[in-house]
Amino acid sequence: MVDVLDNKRAATRFRILVQIAERQPAVSQGEIAEEVGVTSQAVSEYIRELVDDGLVEKEGRSRYRVTNEGVDWLFRAADDVRRFADHVTGDVLGAMSEAAYIATDDIEEGETVSLFVEDGLLHASPGEEGPATGVATTDAEAGTDVGVTSFEGVMDLEPGSVTVLQVPTVRAGGSRAIDESTVVEHCADADRVVAAGVEAVVACRQAGIDPVVTFAAGEVAADGAERGLHVTAVATTDEVGRVTDRLRDAGVSYEVLEE
């Protein structure tokens, strides 16, 4: 692990390498020094070390380029910074913030509540039996929203998945080219159904399926899977790539069914 937050020197090394990557190949040590907040001499010494370590290649006077090894190092260092930022915003600040939950029963302000996810939504119930708890900041009747803070523990949440069902384009037969029974088979047990493309929307309607959204299907499917839902995305073949790109970016599990 490349911990650029371990000390000031490591952080400065990281920032200087980023500056070189942004400015390459014509690199002004004076501009970098001003940006980073160190002397030009210090920048020169850092660059010399980066060259010695194989992270930067010197191409001529004041001309430098980040090597492949340097790019890899930047990626690893940036990941460390991101993980630390996620820890601060999620674990530290998250425990200090307030969030809205659906009350399963009547709750009083100041009461300890158990937290869980149901049907993709955050719920709170009186008591502290669950693996994740918080403290109610408002009174709430059952079925209404309640503010919660002082979070402890981690909610149990099994990740969901997405099944992508392809529908031919209109040139290839469109909704007429897919059996209604096929659509029903893959949508009946899904927690949510989304559709992308006119042919896909029509195929759903003909099968008696009402998609929750007919645009931004990939984003919604990914969000649902992250909330533990099993989603079927019915997509016209020329929309499948857009849907799977969003799923891949979100890192959720998905399967594309062949036509």
Foldseek 3Di string as FASTA:
>chain_A
DQACVPDPVSVLLLQLLVQCQVDAFQADLCVSCVVSVHDSVVSVVSVVVCVVVQQKDNDDVNTIHGDPVVVVVNVVNVVNVVVVVCCCVCVPVQQVDKDKAAEQAWDAAFFKWAWEFDLLGIYTYGDDPFQKIFGWHHTDGHGDITITHNIDGDYDADFAEEEEEEAEDVVVPQLNVDDLVVVCVVAVPFSFEEEEDPSQCVNCVVNVHDHPYHPPQLQVCLSSRRSRTYYYYYYYPVCVVVNVVSNVVSVHHYYYDDD
